[in-house]
């Protein structure tokens, strides 16, 4: 039973935890979806595992809230990717919550 719960929590992180991890990842360095997924996994030592669908939903939500900005860029010979960068508002949100690791405000 414990193994099942651990698997569920690893594959379905709570929304606030995932939002915090994504925002902190983009704070460290701009990037596109797959880069963010890999950085979050590395930064959290695998405790938060994001997938394409949920990371893009979180990135869009954070952008709509003014915490991130995005643009499209095509790598040489590749298809365009949407890159994300933190805004001043996003930096302020991180610094407000960093003391206790609390979820970012919505």
C-alpha atoms as a PDB file:
ATOM      1  CA  UNK A   1       0.000   0.000   0.000  1.00  0.00           C
ATOM      2  CA  UNK A   2       2.806   2.405   0.938  1.00  0.00           C
ATOM      3  CA  UNK A   3       4.500   1.799  -2.427  1.00  0.00           C
ATOM      4  CA  UNK A   4       1.266   2.625  -4.252  1.00  0.00           C
ATOM      5  CA  UNK A   5       0.886   5.899  -2.359  1.00  0.00           C
ATOM      6  CA  UNK A   6       4.503   6.821  -3.034  1.00  0.00           C
ATOM      7  CA  UNK A   7       3.962   6.134  -6.746  1.00  0.00           C
ATOM      8  CA  UNK A   8       0.784   8.247  -6.819  1.00  0.00           C
ATOM      9  CA  UNK A   9       2.448  11.194  -5.070  1.00  0.00           C
ATOM     10  CA  UNK A  10       5.490  10.958  -7.339  1.00  0.00           C
ATOM     11  CA  UNK A  11       3.426  10.897 -10.519  1.00  0.00           C
ATOM     12  CA  UNK A  12       0.731  13.355  -9.464  1.00  0.00           C
ATOM     13  CA  UNK A  13       2.391  16.127  -7.440  1.00  0.00           C
ATOM     14  CA  UNK A  14       0.135  18.589  -5.712  1.00  0.00           C
ATOM     15  CA  UNK A  15      -0.616  21.599  -7.835  1.00  0.00           C
ATOM     16  CA  UNK A  16       1.078  24.127  -5.484  1.00  0.00           C
ATOM     17  CA  UNK A  17       4.241  22.005  -5.253  1.00  0.00           C
ATOM     18  CA  UNK A  18       4.414  21.632  -9.014  1.00  0.00           C
ATOM     19  CA  UNK A  19       3.793  25.366  -9.574  1.00  0.00           C
ATOM     20  CA  UNK A  20       6.573  26.259  -7.144  1.00  0.00           C
ATOM     21  CA  UNK A  21       8.981  23.817  -8.762  1.00  0.00           C
ATOM     22  CA  UNK A  22       8.223  25.051 -12.289  1.00  0.00           C
ATOM     23  CA  UNK A  23       8.573  28.699 -11.345  1.00  0.00           C
ATOM     24  CA  UNK A  24      11.850  28.069  -9.524  1.00  0.00           C
ATOM     25  CA  UNK A  25      13.149  26.125 -12.520  1.00  0.00           C
ATOM     26  CA  UNK A  26      12.418  29.002 -14.888  1.00  0.00           C
ATOM     27  CA  UNK A  27      13.904  31.424 -12.327  1.00  0.00           C
ATOM     28  CA  UNK A  28      17.165  29.482 -12.572  1.00  0.00           C
ATOM     29  CA  UNK A  29      17.210  29.707 -16.376  1.00  0.00           C
ATOM     30  CA  UNK A  30      14.754  30.290 -19.217  1.00  0.00           C
ATOM     31  CA  UNK A  31      13.677  27.199 -21.059  1.00  0.00           C
ATOM     32  CA  UNK A  32      11.023  25.263 -22.935  1.00  0.00           C
ATOM     33  CA  UNK A  33       8.729  22.520 -21.646  1.00  0.00           C
ATOM     34  CA  UNK A  34      11.027  19.496 -21.799  1.00  0.00           C
ATOM     35  CA  UNK A  35      13.918  21.447 -20.262  1.00  0.00           C
ATOM     36  CA  UNK A  36      11.646  22.537 -17.413  1.00  0.00           C
ATOM     37  CA  UNK A  37      10.511  18.934 -16.833  1.00  0.00           C
ATOM     38  CA  UNK A  38      14.117  17.718 -16.669  1.00  0.00           C
ATOM     39  CA  UNK A  39      15.245  20.572 -14.390  1.00  0.00           C
ATOM     40  CA  UNK A  40      12.335  20.070 -11.985  1.00  0.00           C
ATOM     41  CA  UNK A  41      13.109  16.358 -11.795  1.00  0.00           C
ATOM     42  CA  UNK A  42      16.795  17.100 -11.115  1.00  0.00           C
ATOM     43  CA  UNK A  43      16.151  19.925  -8.631  1.00  0.00           C
ATOM     44  CA  UNK A  44      13.664  17.871  -6.636  1.00  0.00           C
ATOM     45  CA  UNK A  45      15.724  14.663  -6.889  1.00  0.00           C
ATOM     46  CA  UNK A  46      12.816  12.985  -8.652  1.00  0.00           C
ATOM     47  CA  UNK A  47      10.184  13.731  -6.009  1.00  0.00           C
ATOM     48  CA  UNK A  48       8.217  15.839  -8.496  1.00  0.00           C
ATOM     49  CA  UNK A  49       7.721  14.230 -11.886  1.00  0.00           C
ATOM     50  CA  UNK A  50       6.035  16.378 -14.468  1.00  0.00           C
ATOM     51  CA  UNK A  51       4.787  15.316 -17.877  1.00  0.00           C
ATOM     52  CA  UNK A  52       4.188  17.288 -21.061  1.00  0.00           C
ATOM     53  CA  UNK A  53       0.519  17.958 -20.469  1.00  0.00           C
ATOM     54  CA  UNK A  54       0.722  19.118 -16.892  1.00  0.00           C
ATOM     55  CA  UNK A  55       3.900  21.191 -17.299  1.00  0.00           C
ATOM     56  CA  UNK A  56       2.438  23.107 -20.240  1.00  0.00           C
ATOM     57  CA  UNK A  57      -0.760  23.767 -18.308  1.00  0.00           C
ATOM     58  CA  UNK A  58       1.256  25.103 -15.369  1.00  0.00           C
ATOM     59  CA  UNK A  59       3.478  27.225 -17.649  1.00  0.00           C
ATOM     60  CA  UNK A  60       0.421  28.768 -19.360  1.00  0.00           C
ATOM     61  CA  UNK A  61      -1.251  29.449 -16.000  1.00  0.00           C
ATOM     62  CA  UNK A  62       1.878  31.120 -14.628  1.00  0.00           C
ATOM     63  CA  UNK A  63       2.127  33.222 -17.779  1.00  0.00           C
ATOM     64  CA  UNK A  64      -1.523  34.278 -17.548  1.00  0.00           C
ATOM     65  CA  UNK A  65      -0.886  35.319 -13.948  1.00  0.00           C
ATOM     66  CA  UNK A  66       2.017  37.504 -15.077  1.00  0.00           C
ATOM     67  CA  UNK A  67       4.704  35.414 -13.371  1.00  0.00           C
ATOM     68  CA  UNK A  68       6.250  34.226 -16.655  1.00  0.00           C
ATOM     69  CA  UNK A  69       6.551  35.521 -20.206  1.00  0.00           C
ATOM     70  CA  UNK A  70       6.981  33.398 -23.331  1.00  0.00           C
ATOM     71  CA  UNK A  71       8.016  33.543 -26.964  1.00  0.00           C
ATOM     72  CA  UNK A  72       8.588  31.098 -29.802  1.00  0.00           C
ATOM     73  CA  UNK A  73      12.016  30.280 -31.123  1.00  0.00           C
ATOM     74  CA  UNK A  74      13.027  27.635 -33.634  1.00  0.00           C
ATOM     75  CA  UNK A  75      16.360  25.883 -33.120  1.00  0.00           C
ATOM     76  CA  UNK A  76      18.413  25.318 -36.265  1.00  0.00           C
ATOM     77  CA  UNK A  77      16.716  22.608 -38.265  1.00  0.00           C
ATOM     78  CA  UNK A  78      14.055  22.037 -35.611  1.00  0.00           C
ATOM     79  CA  UNK A  79      10.469  22.926 -35.014  1.00  0.00           C
ATOM     80  CA  UNK A  80       9.567  26.062 -33.049  1.00  0.00           C
ATOM     81  CA  UNK A  81       9.466  25.796 -29.285  1.00  0.00           C
ATOM     82  CA  UNK A  82       7.834  28.059 -26.734  1.00  0.00           C
ATOM     83  CA  UNK A  83      10.420  29.369 -24.285  1.00  0.00           C
ATOM     84  CA  UNK A  84       9.563  30.780 -20.873  1.00  0.00           C
ATOM     85  CA  UNK A  85      11.298  33.402 -18.753  1.00  0.00           C
ATOM     86  CA  UNK A  86      10.418  34.702 -15.296  1.00  0.00           C
ATOM     87  CA  UNK A  87       9.062  38.244 -14.927  1.00  0.00           C
ATOM     88  CA  UNK A  88       9.725  40.760 -12.170  1.00  0.00           C
ATOM     89  CA  UNK A  89       6.379  39.764 -10.660  1.00  0.00           C
ATOM     90  CA  UNK A  90       7.478  36.119 -10.695  1.00  0.00           C
ATOM     91  CA  UNK A  91      10.745  36.994  -8.946  1.00  0.00           C
ATOM     92  CA  UNK A  92       8.782  38.899  -6.303  1.00  0.00           C
ATOM     93  CA  UNK A  93       6.448  35.920  -5.810  1.00  0.00           C
ATOM     94  CA  UNK A  94       9.418  33.601  -5.262  1.00  0.00           C
ATOM     95  CA  UNK A  95      11.045  35.905  -2.766  1.00  0.00           C
ATOM     96  CA  UNK A  96       7.776  36.330  -0.848  1.00  0.00           C
ATOM     97  CA  UNK A  97       7.351  32.588  -0.473  1.00  0.00           C
ATOM     98  CA  UNK A  98      10.932  31.362  -0.248  1.00  0.00           C
ATOM     99  CA  UNK A  99      11.183  31.737   3.519  1.00  0.00           C
ATOM    100  CA  UNK A 100       8.764  28.907   4.333  1.00  0.00           C
ATOM    101  CA  UNK A 101       8.500  27.100   1.009  1.00  0.00           C
ATOM    102  CA  UNK A 102       4.823  27.937   0.901  1.00  0.00           C
ATOM    103  CA  UNK A 103       2.819  27.659  -2.328  1.00  0.00           C
ATOM    104  CA  UNK A 104       2.787  30.621  -4.642  1.00  0.00           C
ATOM    105  CA  UNK A 105      -0.288  32.817  -4.444  1.00  0.00           C
ATOM    106  CA  UNK A 106      -2.892  32.390  -7.178  1.00  0.00           C
END
